[in-house]
């Protein structure tokens, strides 16, 4: 096999892999939504754990943002401001959902 044939074969393999990746990504974009599980005796405890995990995730994300800033000043402080905004947005959306679940459990 000549060098030219090897390059063509390599290019074909790369294109096939790229197409497979793009198809997989396109199929995963429509994320699967799982139904809520049936009510159980553990729901209140799960809700407590969810709240704790949300707080921990928020703290961890902010620590990560500061650690990145300390390692790389490129685009700072705007990068940390944007990251913190996104973290707050995600926290608020998640906390709102947990609050809704908590009210449903109280019924």
PDB file of N, CA and C in Angstrom:
ATOM      1  N   UNK A   1       0.863  -1.181   0.000  1.00  0.00           N
ATOM      2  CA  UNK A   1       0.000   0.000   0.000  1.00  0.00           C
ATOM      3  C   UNK A   1       0.902   1.234   0.000  1.00  0.00           C
ATOM      4  N   UNK A   2       0.628   2.150  -0.904  1.00  0.00           N
ATOM      5  CA  UNK A   2       1.454   3.349  -1.015  1.00  0.00           C
ATOM      6  C   UNK A   2       1.077   4.358   0.069  1.00  0.00           C
ATOM      7  N   UNK A   3       1.951   5.358   0.256  1.00  0.00           N
ATOM      8  CA  UNK A   3       1.676   6.410   1.233  1.00  0.00           C
ATOM      9  C   UNK A   3       0.374   7.139   0.919  1.00  0.00           C
ATOM     10  N   UNK A   4       0.159   7.372  -0.392  1.00  0.00           N
ATOM     11  CA  UNK A   4      -1.053   8.093  -0.791  1.00  0.00           C
ATOM     12  C   UNK A   4      -2.294   7.297  -0.409  1.00  0.00           C
ATOM     13  N   UNK A   5      -2.277   5.989  -0.635  1.00  0.00           N
ATOM     14  CA  UNK A   5      -3.402   5.137  -0.277  1.00  0.00           C
ATOM     15  C   UNK A   5      -3.592   5.116   1.246  1.00  0.00           C
ATOM     16  N   UNK A   6      -2.501   5.122   1.976  1.00  0.00           N
ATOM     17  CA  UNK A   6      -2.587   5.146   3.443  1.00  0.00           C
ATOM     18  C   UNK A   6      -3.244   6.427   3.927  1.00  0.00           C
ATOM     19  N   UNK A   7      -2.861   7.550   3.327  1.00  0.00           N
ATOM     20  CA  UNK A   7      -3.470   8.826   3.717  1.00  0.00           C
ATOM     21  C   UNK A   7      -4.955   8.853   3.388  1.00  0.00           C
ATOM     22  N   UNK A   8      -5.320   8.315   2.232  1.00  0.00           N
ATOM     23  CA  UNK A   8      -6.729   8.286   1.849  1.00  0.00           C
ATOM     24  C   UNK A   8      -7.514   7.393   2.803  1.00  0.00           C
ATOM     25  N   UNK A   9      -6.965   6.231   3.126  1.00  0.00           N
ATOM     26  CA  UNK A   9      -7.625   5.329   4.068  1.00  0.00           C
ATOM     27  C   UNK A   9      -7.768   5.998   5.434  1.00  0.00           C
ATOM     28  N   UNK A  10      -6.726   6.663   5.889  1.00  0.00           N
ATOM     29  CA  UNK A  10      -6.773   7.374   7.167  1.00  0.00           C
ATOM     30  C   UNK A  10      -7.846   8.452   7.137  1.00  0.00           C
ATOM     31  N   UNK A  11      -7.923   9.216   6.052  1.00  0.00           N
ATOM     32  CA  UNK A  11      -8.926  10.277   5.927  1.00  0.00           C
ATOM     33  C   UNK A  11     -10.332   9.694   5.948  1.00  0.00           C
ATOM     34  N   UNK A  12     -10.526   8.579   5.278  1.00  0.00           N
ATOM     35  CA  UNK A  12     -11.848   7.930   5.269  1.00  0.00           C
ATOM     36  C   UNK A  12     -12.234   7.483   6.673  1.00  0.00           C
ATOM     37  N   UNK A  13     -11.301   6.905   7.394  1.00  0.00           N
ATOM     38  CA  UNK A  13     -11.578   6.456   8.767  1.00  0.00           C
ATOM     39  C   UNK A  13     -11.925   7.647   9.655  1.00  0.00           C
ATOM     40  N   UNK A  14     -11.173   8.745   9.525  1.00  0.00           N
ATOM     41  CA  UNK A  14     -11.444   9.942  10.314  1.00  0.00           C
ATOM     42  C   UNK A  14     -12.840  10.482  10.003  1.00  0.00           C
ATOM     43  N   UNK A  15     -13.202  10.521   8.732  1.00  0.00           N
ATOM     44  CA  UNK A  15     -14.520  11.017   8.337  1.00  0.00           C
ATOM     45  C   UNK A  15     -15.619  10.119   8.903  1.00  0.00           C
ATOM     46  N   UNK A  16     -15.436   8.811   8.814  1.00  0.00           N
ATOM     47  CA  UNK A  16     -16.434   7.876   9.356  1.00  0.00           C
ATOM     48  C   UNK A  16     -16.586   8.061  10.862  1.00  0.00           C
ATOM     49  N   UNK A  17     -15.469   8.191  11.571  1.00  0.00           N
ATOM     50  CA  UNK A  17     -15.532   8.405  13.018  1.00  0.00           C
ATOM     51  C   UNK A  17     -16.207   9.732  13.358  1.00  0.00           C
ATOM     52  N   UNK A  18     -15.891  10.776  12.591  1.00  0.00           N
ATOM     53  CA  UNK A  18     -16.510  12.076  12.823  1.00  0.00           C
ATOM     54  C   UNK A  18     -18.015  12.003  12.593  1.00  0.00           C
ATOM     55  N   UNK A  19     -18.424  11.321  11.529  1.00  0.00           N
ATOM     56  CA  UNK A  19     -19.855  11.162  11.253  1.00  0.00           C
ATOM     57  C   UNK A  19     -20.536  10.365  12.362  1.00  0.00           C
ATOM     58  N   UNK A  20     -19.893   9.304  12.823  1.00  0.00           N
ATOM     59  CA  UNK A  20     -20.466   8.509  13.911  1.00  0.00           C
ATOM     60  C   UNK A  20     -20.622   9.362  15.160  1.00  0.00           C
ATOM     61  N   UNK A  21     -19.618  10.187  15.449  1.00  0.00           N
ATOM     62  CA  UNK A  21     -19.698  11.078  16.607  1.00  0.00           C
ATOM     63  C   UNK A  21     -20.846  12.064  16.451  1.00  0.00           C
ATOM     64  N   UNK A  22     -20.956  12.685  15.275  1.00  0.00           N
ATOM     65  CA  UNK A  22     -22.016  13.669  15.051  1.00  0.00           C
ATOM     66  C   UNK A  22     -23.401  13.037  15.129  1.00  0.00           C
ATOM     67  N   UNK A  23     -23.549  11.848  14.590  1.00  0.00           N
ATOM     68  CA  UNK A  23     -24.847  11.158  14.673  1.00  0.00           C
ATOM     69  C   UNK A  23     -25.171  10.835  16.123  1.00  0.00           C
ATOM     70  N   UNK A  24     -24.195  10.327  16.852  1.00  0.00           N
ATOM     71  CA  UNK A  24     -24.407  10.035  18.281  1.00  0.00           C
ATOM     72  C   UNK A  24     -24.756  11.278  19.060  1.00  0.00           C
ATOM     73  N   UNK A  25     -24.070  12.362  18.778  1.00  0.00           N
ATOM     74  CA  UNK A  25     -24.354  13.619  19.464  1.00  0.00           C
ATOM     75  C   UNK A  25     -25.746  14.113  19.120  1.00  0.00           C
ATOM     76  N   UNK A  26     -26.117  14.057  17.848  1.00  0.00           N
ATOM     77  CA  UNK A  26     -27.444  14.531  17.426  1.00  0.00           C
ATOM     78  C   UNK A  26     -28.543  13.717  18.090  1.00  0.00           C
ATOM     79  N   UNK A  27     -28.322  12.431  18.241  1.00  0.00           N
ATOM     80  CA  UNK A  27     -29.328  11.595  18.889  1.00  0.00           C
ATOM     81  C   UNK A  27     -29.417  11.860  20.384  1.00  0.00           C
ATOM     82  N   UNK A  28     -28.305  12.247  20.991  1.00  0.00           N
ATOM     83  CA  UNK A  28     -28.311  12.489  22.436  1.00  0.00           C
ATOM     84  C   UNK A  28     -28.843  13.865  22.802  1.00  0.00           C
ATOM     85  N   UNK A  29     -28.916  14.775  21.823  1.00  0.00           N
ATOM     86  CA  UNK A  29     -29.389  16.126  22.111  1.00  0.00           C
ATOM     87  C   UNK A  29     -30.816  16.093  22.635  1.00  0.00           C
ATOM     88  N   UNK A  30     -31.658  15.248  22.082  1.00  0.00           N
ATOM     89  CA  UNK A  30     -33.015  15.083  22.597  1.00  0.00           C
ATOM     90  C   UNK A  30     -32.950  14.219  23.836  1.00  0.00           C
ATOM     91  N   UNK A  31     -32.521  14.821  24.944  1.00  0.00           N
ATOM     92  CA  UNK A  31     -32.260  14.080  26.170  1.00  0.00           C
ATOM     93  C   UNK A  31     -33.488  13.291  26.626  1.00  0.00           C
ATOM     94  N   UNK A  32     -33.224  12.120  27.143  1.00  0.00           N
ATOM     95  CA  UNK A  32     -34.274  11.251  27.648  1.00  0.00           C
ATOM     96  C   UNK A  32     -34.788  11.815  28.965  1.00  0.00           C
ATOM     97  N   UNK A  33     -36.086  11.906  29.084  1.00  0.00           N
ATOM     98  CA  UNK A  33     -36.699  12.362  30.323  1.00  0.00           C
ATOM     99  C   UNK A  33     -37.283  11.149  31.032  1.00  0.00           C
ATOM    100  N   UNK A  34     -36.846  10.941  32.252  1.00  0.00           N
ATOM    101  CA  UNK A  34     -37.345   9.817  33.028  1.00  0.00           C
ATOM    102  C   UNK A  34     -38.534  10.258  33.867  1.00  0.00           C
ATOM    103  N   UNK A  35     -39.556   9.419  33.967  1.00  0.00           N
ATOM    104  CA  UNK A  35     -40.719   9.792  34.780  1.00  0.00           C
ATOM    105  C   UNK A  35     -40.348   9.784  36.261  1.00  0.00           C
ATOM    106  N   UNK A  36     -41.088  10.547  37.036  1.00  0.00           N
ATOM    107  CA  UNK A  36     -40.877  10.547  38.488  1.00  0.00           C
ATOM    108  C   UNK A  36     -41.161   9.143  39.019  1.00  0.00           C
ATOM    109  N   UNK A  37     -40.341   8.665  39.934  1.00  0.00           N
ATOM    110  CA  UNK A  37     -40.634   7.351  40.530  1.00  0.00           C
ATOM    111  C   UNK A  37     -41.892   7.429  41.397  1.00  0.00           C
ATOM    112  N   UNK A  38     -42.453   6.290  41.643  1.00  0.00           N
ATOM    113  CA  UNK A  38     -43.633   6.218  42.514  1.00  0.00           C
ATOM    114  C   UNK A  38     -43.261   6.718  43.911  1.00  0.00           C
ATOM    115  N   UNK A  39     -44.225   7.325  44.624  1.00  0.00           N
ATOM    116  CA  UNK A  39     -43.947   7.781  45.995  1.00  0.00           C
ATOM    117  C   UNK A  39     -43.433   6.627  46.862  1.00  0.00           C
ATOM    118  N   UNK A  40     -42.498   6.956  47.758  1.00  0.00           N
ATOM    119  CA  UNK A  40     -41.948   5.930  48.648  1.00  0.00           C
ATOM    120  C   UNK A  40     -41.762   6.512  50.039  1.00  0.00           C
ATOM    121  N   UNK A  41     -41.462   5.639  50.984  1.00  0.00           N
ATOM    122  CA  UNK A  41     -41.253   6.078  52.361  1.00  0.00           C
ATOM    123  C   UNK A  41     -39.943   6.854  52.518  1.00  0.00           C
ATOM    124  N   UNK A  42     -39.064   6.835  51.496  1.00  0.00           N
ATOM    125  CA  UNK A  42     -37.767   7.500  51.570  1.00  0.00           C
ATOM    126  C   UNK A  42     -37.778   8.884  50.936  1.00  0.00           C
ATOM    127  N   UNK A  43     -38.918   9.322  50.431  1.00  0.00           N
ATOM    128  CA  UNK A  43     -38.965  10.578  49.679  1.00  0.00           C
ATOM    129  C   UNK A  43     -38.482  11.791  50.478  1.00  0.00           C
ATOM    130  N   UNK A  44     -38.849  11.892  51.748  1.00  0.00           N
ATOM    131  CA  UNK A  44     -38.411  13.055  52.543  1.00  0.00           C
ATOM    132  C   UNK A  44     -36.899  13.046  52.715  1.00  0.00           C
ATOM    133  N   UNK A  45     -36.333  11.890  52.967  1.00  0.00           N
ATOM    134  CA  UNK A  45     -34.879  11.792  53.129  1.00  0.00           C
ATOM    135  C   UNK A  45     -34.166  12.096  51.807  1.00  0.00           C
ATOM    136  N   UNK A  46     -34.704  11.597  50.714  1.00  0.00           N
ATOM    137  CA  UNK A  46     -34.117  11.872  49.403  1.00  0.00           C
ATOM    138  C   UNK A  46     -34.133  13.371  49.136  1.00  0.00           C
ATOM    139  N   UNK A  47     -35.229  14.037  49.502  1.00  0.00           N
ATOM    140  CA  UNK A  47     -35.318  15.483  49.309  1.00  0.00           C
ATOM    141  C   UNK A  47     -34.253  16.206  50.136  1.00  0.00           C
ATOM    142  N   UNK A  48     -34.030  15.769  51.371  1.00  0.00           N
ATOM    143  CA  UNK A  48     -32.969  16.360  52.201  1.00  0.00           C
ATOM    144  C   UNK A  48     -31.603  16.186  51.534  1.00  0.00           C
ATOM    145  N   UNK A  49     -31.350  14.982  51.027  1.00  0.00           N
ATOM    146  CA  UNK A  49     -30.075  14.706  50.361  1.00  0.00           C
ATOM    147  C   UNK A  49     -29.930  15.542  49.089  1.00  0.00           C
ATOM    148  N   UNK A  50     -31.035  15.697  48.360  1.00  0.00           N
ATOM    149  CA  UNK A  50     -30.997  16.529  47.154  1.00  0.00           C
ATOM    150  C   UNK A  50     -30.619  17.964  47.496  1.00  0.00           C
ATOM    151  N   UNK A  51     -31.181  18.490  48.579  1.00  0.00           N
ATOM    152  CA  UNK A  51     -30.870  19.868  48.987  1.00  0.00           C
ATOM    153  C   UNK A  51     -29.405  19.992  49.400  1.00  0.00           C
ATOM    154  N   UNK A  52     -28.918  19.018  50.150  1.00  0.00           N
ATOM    155  CA  UNK A  52     -27.516  19.029  50.562  1.00  0.00           C
ATOM    156  C   UNK A  52     -26.599  18.954  49.338  1.00  0.00           C
ATOM    157  N   UNK A  53     -26.940  18.076  48.398  1.00  0.00           N
ATOM    158  CA  UNK A  53     -26.124  17.921  47.197  1.00  0.00           C
ATOM    159  C   UNK A  53     -26.116  19.206  46.370  1.00  0.00           C
ATOM    160  N   UNK A  54     -27.251  19.873  46.302  1.00  0.00           N
ATOM    161  CA  UNK A  54     -27.329  21.131  45.559  1.00  0.00           C
ATOM    162  C   UNK A  54     -26.410  22.173  46.189  1.00  0.00           C
ATOM    163  N   UNK A  55     -26.447  22.298  47.498  1.00  0.00           N
ATOM    164  CA  UNK A  55     -25.566  23.253  48.179  1.00  0.00           C
ATOM    165  C   UNK A  55     -24.098  22.905  47.952  1.00  0.00           C
ATOM    166  N   UNK A  56     -23.780  21.613  48.063  1.00  0.00           N
ATOM    167  CA  UNK A  56     -22.390  21.189  47.871  1.00  0.00           C
ATOM    168  C   UNK A  56     -21.941  21.441  46.438  1.00  0.00           C
ATOM    169  N   UNK A  57     -22.806  21.161  45.467  1.00  0.00           N
ATOM    170  CA  UNK A  57     -22.448  21.365  44.061  1.00  0.00           C
ATOM    171  C   UNK A  57     -22.202  22.838  43.776  1.00  0.00           C
ATOM    172  N   UNK A  58     -23.018  23.701  44.352  1.00  0.00           N
ATOM    173  CA  UNK A  58     -22.838  25.141  44.146  1.00  0.00           C
ATOM    174  C   UNK A  58     -21.502  25.602  44.724  1.00  0.00           C
ATOM    175  N   UNK A  59     -21.224  25.185  45.964  1.00  0.00           N
ATOM    176  CA  UNK A  59     -19.951  25.545  46.590  1.00  0.00           C
ATOM    177  C   UNK A  59     -18.767  25.015  45.782  1.00  0.00           C
ATOM    178  N   UNK A  60     -18.866  23.771  45.355  1.00  0.00           N
ATOM    179  CA  UNK A  60     -17.793  23.152  44.580  1.00  0.00           C
ATOM    180  C   UNK A  60     -17.561  23.900  43.274  1.00  0.00           C
ATOM    181  N   UNK A  61     -18.641  24.291  42.606  1.00  0.00           N
ATOM    182  CA  UNK A  61     -18.492  25.021  41.343  1.00  0.00           C
ATOM    183  C   UNK A  61     -17.815  26.364  41.558  1.00  0.00           C
ATOM    184  N   UNK A  62     -18.201  27.091  42.598  1.00  0.00           N
ATOM    185  CA  UNK A  62     -17.559  28.376  42.855  1.00  0.00           C
ATOM    186  C   UNK A  62     -16.089  28.198  43.226  1.00  0.00           C
ATOM    187  N   UNK A  63     -15.778  27.164  43.975  1.00  0.00           N
ATOM    188  CA  UNK A  63     -14.373  26.882  44.286  1.00  0.00           C
ATOM    189  C   UNK A  63     -13.605  26.579  43.005  1.00  0.00           C
ATOM    190  N   UNK A  64     -14.229  25.839  42.106  1.00  0.00           N
ATOM    191  CA  UNK A  64     -13.595  25.522  40.825  1.00  0.00           C
ATOM    192  C   UNK A  64     -13.332  26.799  40.025  1.00  0.00           C
ATOM    193  N   UNK A  65     -14.314  27.685  39.998  1.00  0.00           N
ATOM    194  CA  UNK A  65     -14.144  28.938  39.255  1.00  0.00           C
ATOM    195  C   UNK A  65     -12.970  29.749  39.796  1.00  0.00           C
ATOM    196  N   UNK A  66     -12.865  29.837  41.125  1.00  0.00           N
ATOM    197  CA  UNK A  66     -11.745  30.574  41.715  1.00  0.00           C
ATOM    198  C   UNK A  66     -10.413  29.869  41.435  1.00  0.00           C
ATOM    199  N   UNK A  67     -10.414  28.544  41.487  1.00  0.00           N
ATOM    200  CA  UNK A  67      -9.179  27.801  41.204  1.00  0.00           C
ATOM    201  C   UNK A  67      -8.715  28.038  39.767  1.00  0.00           C
ATOM    202  N   UNK A  68      -9.662  28.077  38.835  1.00  0.00           N
ATOM    203  CA  UNK A  68      -9.304  28.341  37.443  1.00  0.00           C
ATOM    204  C   UNK A  68      -8.704  29.737  37.314  1.00  0.00           C
ATOM    205  N   UNK A  69      -9.323  30.710  37.966  1.00  0.00           N
ATOM    206  CA  UNK A  69      -8.823  32.080  37.911  1.00  0.00           C
ATOM    207  C   UNK A  69      -7.384  32.145  38.428  1.00  0.00           C
ATOM    208  N   UNK A  70      -7.130  31.411  39.520  1.00  0.00           N
ATOM    209  CA  UNK A  70      -5.798  31.430  40.113  1.00  0.00           C
ATOM    210  C   UNK A  70      -4.754  30.816  39.178  1.00  0.00           C
ATOM    211  N   UNK A  71      -5.187  29.901  38.307  1.00  0.00           N
ATOM    212  CA  UNK A  71      -4.260  29.243  37.382  1.00  0.00           C
ATOM    213  C   UNK A  71      -4.138  29.975  36.059  1.00  0.00           C
ATOM    214  N   UNK A  72      -5.222  30.661  35.656  1.00  0.00           N
ATOM    215  CA  UNK A  72      -5.253  31.258  34.326  1.00  0.00           C
ATOM    216  C   UNK A  72      -6.043  32.559  34.372  1.00  0.00           C
ATOM    217  N   UNK A  73      -5.361  33.668  34.223  1.00  0.00           N
ATOM    218  CA  UNK A  73      -6.015  34.970  34.301  1.00  0.00           C
ATOM    219  C   UNK A  73      -6.662  35.397  32.985  1.00  0.00           C
ATOM    220  N   UNK A  74      -6.493  34.599  31.936  1.00  0.00           N
ATOM    221  CA  UNK A  74      -7.039  34.955  30.628  1.00  0.00           C
ATOM    222  C   UNK A  74      -8.549  35.183  30.714  1.00  0.00           C
ATOM    223  N   UNK A  75      -8.972  36.385  30.319  1.00  0.00           N
ATOM    224  CA  UNK A  75     -10.401  36.692  30.286  1.00  0.00           C
ATOM    225  C   UNK A  75     -11.032  36.936  31.637  1.00  0.00           C
ATOM    226  N   UNK A  76     -10.220  36.985  32.680  1.00  0.00           N
ATOM    227  CA  UNK A  76     -10.762  37.202  34.023  1.00  0.00           C
ATOM    228  C   UNK A  76     -10.869  38.697  34.276  1.00  0.00           C
ATOM    229  N   UNK A  77     -11.763  39.168  35.088  1.00  0.00           N
ATOM    230  CA  UNK A  77     -12.692  38.400  35.906  1.00  0.00           C
ATOM    231  C   UNK A  77     -13.990  38.041  35.192  1.00  0.00           C
ATOM    232  N   UNK A  78     -14.130  38.374  33.918  1.00  0.00           N
ATOM    233  CA  UNK A  78     -15.405  38.122  33.233  1.00  0.00           C
ATOM    234  C   UNK A  78     -15.754  36.641  33.199  1.00  0.00           C
ATOM    235  N   UNK A  79     -14.755  35.774  33.048  1.00  0.00           N
ATOM    236  CA  UNK A  79     -15.026  34.325  33.016  1.00  0.00           C
ATOM    237  C   UNK A  79     -15.633  33.870  34.332  1.00  0.00           C
ATOM    238  N   UNK A  80     -15.093  34.354  35.455  1.00  0.00           N
ATOM    239  CA  UNK A  80     -15.645  33.924  36.741  1.00  0.00           C
ATOM    240  C   UNK A  80     -17.031  34.530  36.962  1.00  0.00           C
ATOM    241  N   UNK A  81     -17.230  35.755  36.489  1.00  0.00           N
ATOM    242  CA  UNK A  81     -18.552  36.386  36.620  1.00  0.00           C
ATOM    243  C   UNK A  81     -19.585  35.572  35.839  1.00  0.00           C
ATOM    244  N   UNK A  82     -19.253  35.204  34.603  1.00  0.00           N
ATOM    245  CA  UNK A  82     -20.170  34.408  33.789  1.00  0.00           C
ATOM    246  C   UNK A  82     -20.424  33.035  34.409  1.00  0.00           C
ATOM    247  N   UNK A  83     -19.372  32.405  34.887  1.00  0.00           N
ATOM    248  CA  UNK A  83     -19.527  31.095  35.522  1.00  0.00           C
ATOM    249  C   UNK A  83     -20.375  31.165  36.776  1.00  0.00           C
ATOM    250  N   UNK A  84     -20.180  32.210  37.572  1.00  0.00           N
ATOM    251  CA  UNK A  84     -20.974  32.370  38.799  1.00  0.00           C
ATOM    252  C   UNK A  84     -22.440  32.629  38.456  1.00  0.00           C
ATOM    253  N   UNK A  85     -22.675  33.414  37.425  1.00  0.00           N
ATOM    254  CA  UNK A  85     -24.065  33.655  36.993  1.00  0.00           C
ATOM    255  C   UNK A  85     -24.734  32.344  36.595  1.00  0.00           C
ATOM    256  N   UNK A  86     -24.018  31.541  35.811  1.00  0.00           N
ATOM    257  CA  UNK A  86     -24.579  30.262  35.379  1.00  0.00           C
ATOM    258  C   UNK A  86     -24.818  29.353  36.583  1.00  0.00           C
ATOM    259  N   UNK A  87     -23.899  29.349  37.532  1.00  0.00           N
ATOM    260  CA  UNK A  87     -24.066  28.522  38.730  1.00  0.00           C
ATOM    261  C   UNK A  87     -25.288  28.976  39.530  1.00  0.00           C
ATOM    262  N   UNK A  88     -25.461  30.289  39.668  1.00  0.00           N
ATOM    263  CA  UNK A  88     -26.637  30.798  40.390  1.00  0.00           C
ATOM    264  C   UNK A  88     -27.923  30.428  39.665  1.00  0.00           C
ATOM    265  N   UNK A  89     -27.898  30.566  38.345  1.00  0.00           N
ATOM    266  CA  UNK A  89     -29.085  30.221  37.548  1.00  0.00           C
ATOM    267  C   UNK A  89     -29.453  28.748  37.755  1.00  0.00           C
ATOM    268  N   UNK A  90     -28.459  27.879  37.677  1.00  0.00           N
ATOM    269  CA  UNK A  90     -28.706  26.447  37.858  1.00  0.00           C
ATOM    270  C   UNK A  90     -29.181  26.158  39.282  1.00  0.00           C
ATOM    271  N   UNK A  91     -28.577  26.847  40.262  1.00  0.00           N
ATOM    272  CA  UNK A  91     -28.981  26.644  41.658  1.00  0.00           C
ATOM    273  C   UNK A  91     -30.443  27.045  41.845  1.00  0.00           C
ATOM    274  N   UNK A  92     -30.804  28.209  41.329  1.00  0.00           N
ATOM    275  CA  UNK A  92     -32.174  28.708  41.492  1.00  0.00           C
ATOM    276  C   UNK A  92     -33.179  27.770  40.827  1.00  0.00           C
ATOM    277  N   UNK A  93     -32.872  27.334  39.603  1.00  0.00           N
ATOM    278  CA  UNK A  93     -33.781  26.415  38.917  1.00  0.00           C
ATOM    279  C   UNK A  93     -33.925  25.107  39.689  1.00  0.00           C
ATOM    280  N   UNK A  94     -32.815  24.583  40.184  1.00  0.00           N
ATOM    281  CA  UNK A  94     -32.855  23.328  40.932  1.00  0.00           C
ATOM    282  C   UNK A  94     -33.576  23.501  42.261  1.00  0.00           C
ATOM    283  N   UNK A  95     -33.290  24.587  42.965  1.00  0.00           N
ATOM    284  CA  UNK A  95     -33.939  24.838  44.253  1.00  0.00           C
ATOM    285  C   UNK A  95     -35.444  25.022  44.068  1.00  0.00           C
ATOM    286  N   UNK A  96     -35.837  25.681  42.987  1.00  0.00           N
ATOM    287  CA  UNK A  96     -37.265  25.865  42.700  1.00  0.00           C
ATOM    288  C   UNK A  96     -37.933  24.518  42.483  1.00  0.00           C
ATOM    289  N   UNK A  97     -37.271  23.637  41.743  1.00  0.00           N
ATOM    290  CA  UNK A  97     -37.807  22.297  41.520  1.00  0.00           C
ATOM    291  C   UNK A  97     -37.908  21.526  42.833  1.00  0.00           C
ATOM    292  N   UNK A  98     -36.876  21.611  43.681  1.00  0.00           N
ATOM    293  CA  UNK A  98     -36.907  20.910  44.963  1.00  0.00           C
ATOM    294  C   UNK A  98     -38.009  21.459  45.870  1.00  0.00           C
ATOM    295  N   UNK A  99     -38.213  22.763  45.821  1.00  0.00           N
ATOM    296  CA  UNK A  99     -39.290  23.373  46.604  1.00  0.00           C
ATOM    297  C   UNK A  99     -40.650  22.841  46.140  1.00  0.00           C
ATOM    298  N   UNK A 100     -40.813  22.712  44.854  1.00  0.00           N
ATOM    299  CA  UNK A 100     -42.057  22.167  44.291  1.00  0.00           C
ATOM    300  C   UNK A 100     -42.256  20.725  44.770  1.00  0.00           C
ATOM    301  N   UNK A 101     -41.187  19.924  44.734  1.00  0.00           N
ATOM    302  CA  UNK A 101     -41.283  18.534  45.212  1.00  0.00           C
ATOM    303  C   UNK A 101     -41.631  18.497  46.690  1.00  0.00           C
ATOM    304  N   UNK A 102     -41.043  19.413  47.457  1.00  0.00           N
ATOM    305  CA  UNK A 102     -41.310  19.436  48.896  1.00  0.00           C
ATOM    306  C   UNK A 102     -42.783  19.733  49.165  1.00  0.00           C
ATOM    307  N   UNK A 103     -43.363  20.667  48.428  1.00  0.00           N
ATOM    308  CA  UNK A 103     -44.777  20.983  48.591  1.00  0.00           C
ATOM    309  C   UNK A 103     -45.652  19.799  48.204  1.00  0.00           C
ATOM    310  N   UNK A 104     -45.259  19.072  47.165  1.00  0.00           N
ATOM    311  CA  UNK A 104     -46.010  17.888  46.763  1.00  0.00           C
ATOM    312  C   UNK A 104     -45.974  16.815  47.838  1.00  0.00           C
ATOM    313  N   UNK A 105     -44.849  16.680  48.528  1.00  0.00           N
ATOM    314  CA  UNK A 105     -44.726  15.680  49.595  1.00  0.00           C
ATOM    315  C   UNK A 105     -45.578  16.044  50.810  1.00  0.00           C
ATOM    316  N   UNK A 106     -45.802  17.327  51.013  1.00  0.00           N
ATOM    317  CA  UNK A 106     -46.568  17.764  52.170  1.00  0.00           C
ATOM    318  C   UNK A 106     -48.052  17.474  52.032  1.00  0.00           C
ATOM    319  N   UNK A 107     -48.505  17.220  50.824  1.00  0.00           N
ATOM    320  CA  UNK A 107     -49.936  16.951  50.615  1.00  0.00           C
ATOM    321  C   UNK A 107     -50.353  15.639  51.196  1.00  0.00           C
TER     322      UNK A 107
END
